[in-house]
Amino acid sequence: MYSILTLIAKLYADDDKLYTEVRSMSDLFLFQDCQDSLYHWSCVWQLPISCLKCCTIDTGKPALASDECRCYLGTELLGEQKS
């Protein structure tokens, strides 16, 4: 079974927001792939991303246990915020 992830990316100046609805581990893996692509792009173009300014925000009822939903940017674990 294939999962299709609807990802929204918003760019403004040097800010970027990626967001989607994660309902399964498959969605989480696809979202991580998108973050990996963004990180790779930033390395290629020598535009470093400050991981200290990055975080994930959980809204709504959690579909997965919070300890399963860990996201990384490169090798850095992103911080978590609760809405």
C-alpha atoms as a PDB file:
ATOM      1  CA  MET A   1       0.000   0.000   0.000  1.00  0.00           C
ATOM      2  CA  TYR A   2       1.369   3.394  -0.981  1.00  0.00           C
ATOM      3  CA  SER A   3       0.832   6.556   0.982  1.00  0.00           C
ATOM      4  CA  ILE A   4       0.469   9.954  -0.628  1.00  0.00           C
ATOM      5  CA  LEU A   5       1.488  12.835   1.571  1.00  0.00           C
ATOM      6  CA  THR A   6       0.033  16.279   1.006  1.00  0.00           C
ATOM      7  CA  LEU A   7       2.826  18.590   2.073  1.00  0.00           C
ATOM      8  CA  ILE A   8       2.494  22.348   2.144  1.00  0.00           C
ATOM      9  CA  ALA A   9       5.649  24.453   2.016  1.00  0.00           C
ATOM     10  CA  LYS A  10       5.530  28.187   2.657  1.00  0.00           C
ATOM     11  CA  LEU A  11       8.564  30.313   1.943  1.00  0.00           C
ATOM     12  CA  TYR A  12       9.100  33.941   2.886  1.00  0.00           C
ATOM     13  CA  ALA A  13      12.525  35.571   2.754  1.00  0.00           C
ATOM     14  CA  ASP A  14      14.685  33.278   4.889  1.00  0.00           C
ATOM     15  CA  ASP A  15      11.790  31.522   6.641  1.00  0.00           C
ATOM     16  CA  ASP A  16      10.321  28.193   5.631  1.00  0.00           C
ATOM     17  CA  LYS A  17       7.363  26.239   6.973  1.00  0.00           C
ATOM     18  CA  LEU A  18       6.608  22.644   6.072  1.00  0.00           C
ATOM     19  CA  TYR A  19       3.409  21.126   7.308  1.00  0.00           C
ATOM     20  CA  THR A  20       1.184  18.151   6.763  1.00  0.00           C
ATOM     21  CA  GLU A  21      -1.128  15.782   8.558  1.00  0.00           C
ATOM     22  CA  VAL A  22       0.623  12.697   9.907  1.00  0.00           C
ATOM     23  CA  ARG A  23      -1.717   9.774  10.483  1.00  0.00           C
ATOM     24  CA  SER A  24       0.686   6.840  10.214  1.00  0.00           C
ATOM     25  CA  MET A  25       4.338   5.924  10.441  1.00  0.00           C
ATOM     26  CA  SER A  26       4.405   5.897   6.641  1.00  0.00           C
ATOM     27  CA  ASP A  27       3.313   9.567   6.632  1.00  0.00           C
ATOM     28  CA  LEU A  28       5.993  10.365   9.190  1.00  0.00           C
ATOM     29  CA  PHE A  29       8.681   8.705   7.050  1.00  0.00           C
ATOM     30  CA  LEU A  30       7.535  10.661   3.983  1.00  0.00           C
ATOM     31  CA  PHE A  31       7.577  13.905   5.969  1.00  0.00           C
ATOM     32  CA  GLN A  32      11.102  13.109   7.178  1.00  0.00           C
ATOM     33  CA  ASP A  33      12.132  12.510   3.552  1.00  0.00           C
ATOM     34  CA  CYS A  34      10.881  16.016   2.711  1.00  0.00           C
ATOM     35  CA  GLN A  35      12.906  17.481   5.573  1.00  0.00           C
ATOM     36  CA  ASP A  36      15.954  15.537   4.405  1.00  0.00           C
ATOM     37  CA  SER A  37      15.509  16.988   0.899  1.00  0.00           C
ATOM     38  CA  LEU A  38      15.285  20.515   2.309  1.00  0.00           C
ATOM     39  CA  TYR A  39      18.417  19.937   4.379  1.00  0.00           C
ATOM     40  CA  HIS A  40      20.306  18.523   1.381  1.00  0.00           C
ATOM     41  CA  TRP A  41      19.259  21.525  -0.748  1.00  0.00           C
ATOM     42  CA  SER A  42      20.488  23.925   1.955  1.00  0.00           C
ATOM     43  CA  CYS A  43      23.872  22.164   2.056  1.00  0.00           C
ATOM     44  CA  VAL A  44      24.274  22.174  -1.741  1.00  0.00           C
ATOM     45  CA  TRP A  45      23.470  25.888  -1.935  1.00  0.00           C
ATOM     46  CA  GLN A  46      25.510  26.692   1.199  1.00  0.00           C
ATOM     47  CA  LEU A  47      22.487  28.202   2.948  1.00  0.00           C
ATOM     48  CA  PRO A  48      22.694  26.653   6.409  1.00  0.00           C
ATOM     49  CA  ILE A  49      19.525  26.096   8.401  1.00  0.00           C
ATOM     50  CA  SER A  50      19.660  26.961  12.092  1.00  0.00           C
ATOM     51  CA  CYS A  51      18.374  23.830  13.810  1.00  0.00           C
ATOM     52  CA  LEU A  52      18.064  25.784  17.063  1.00  0.00           C
ATOM     53  CA  LYS A  53      15.287  27.833  15.419  1.00  0.00           C
ATOM     54  CA  CYS A  54      13.492  24.748  14.069  1.00  0.00           C
ATOM     55  CA  CYS A  55      10.810  22.704  15.779  1.00  0.00           C
ATOM     56  CA  THR A  56       7.828  20.501  15.185  1.00  0.00           C
ATOM     57  CA  ILE A  57       4.383  21.534  16.355  1.00  0.00           C
ATOM     58  CA  ASP A  58       1.731  18.964  17.168  1.00  0.00           C
ATOM     59  CA  THR A  59      -1.889  20.045  16.879  1.00  0.00           C
ATOM     60  CA  GLY A  60      -5.070  18.083  17.335  1.00  0.00           C
ATOM     61  CA  LYS A  61      -5.446  14.573  18.640  1.00  0.00           C
ATOM     62  CA  PRO A  62      -2.197  12.574  18.315  1.00  0.00           C
ATOM     63  CA  ALA A  63      -2.433   9.692  15.866  1.00  0.00           C
ATOM     64  CA  LEU A  64       0.897   8.233  17.010  1.00  0.00           C
ATOM     65  CA  ALA A  65       2.710   8.066  20.327  1.00  0.00           C
ATOM     66  CA  SER A  66       4.791  11.222  20.753  1.00  0.00           C
ATOM     67  CA  ASP A  67       8.005   9.271  21.262  1.00  0.00           C
ATOM     68  CA  GLU A  68       7.528   7.753  17.780  1.00  0.00           C
ATOM     69  CA  CYS A  69       7.173  11.155  16.121  1.00  0.00           C
ATOM     70  CA  ARG A  70      10.732  12.394  16.252  1.00  0.00           C
ATOM     71  CA  CYS A  71      11.959  14.519  13.360  1.00  0.00           C
ATOM     72  CA  TYR A  72      15.517  15.380  12.386  1.00  0.00           C
ATOM     73  CA  LEU A  73      17.162  18.023  10.265  1.00  0.00           C
ATOM     74  CA  GLY A  74      20.436  16.494   9.182  1.00  0.00           C
ATOM     75  CA  THR A  75      21.685  14.829  12.356  1.00  0.00           C
ATOM     76  CA  GLU A  76      19.993  17.292  14.719  1.00  0.00           C
ATOM     77  CA  LEU A  77      16.839  16.261  16.570  1.00  0.00           C
ATOM     78  CA  LEU A  78      14.200  18.975  16.219  1.00  0.00           C
ATOM     79  CA  GLY A  79      12.546  20.350  19.308  1.00  0.00           C
ATOM     80  CA  GLU A  80       8.842  19.773  19.927  1.00  0.00           C
ATOM     81  CA  GLN A  81       6.115  22.285  20.732  1.00  0.00           C
ATOM     82  CA  LYS A  82       2.579  21.493  21.863  1.00  0.00           C
ATOM     83  CA  SER A  83      -0.246  23.655  20.614  1.00  0.00           C
END
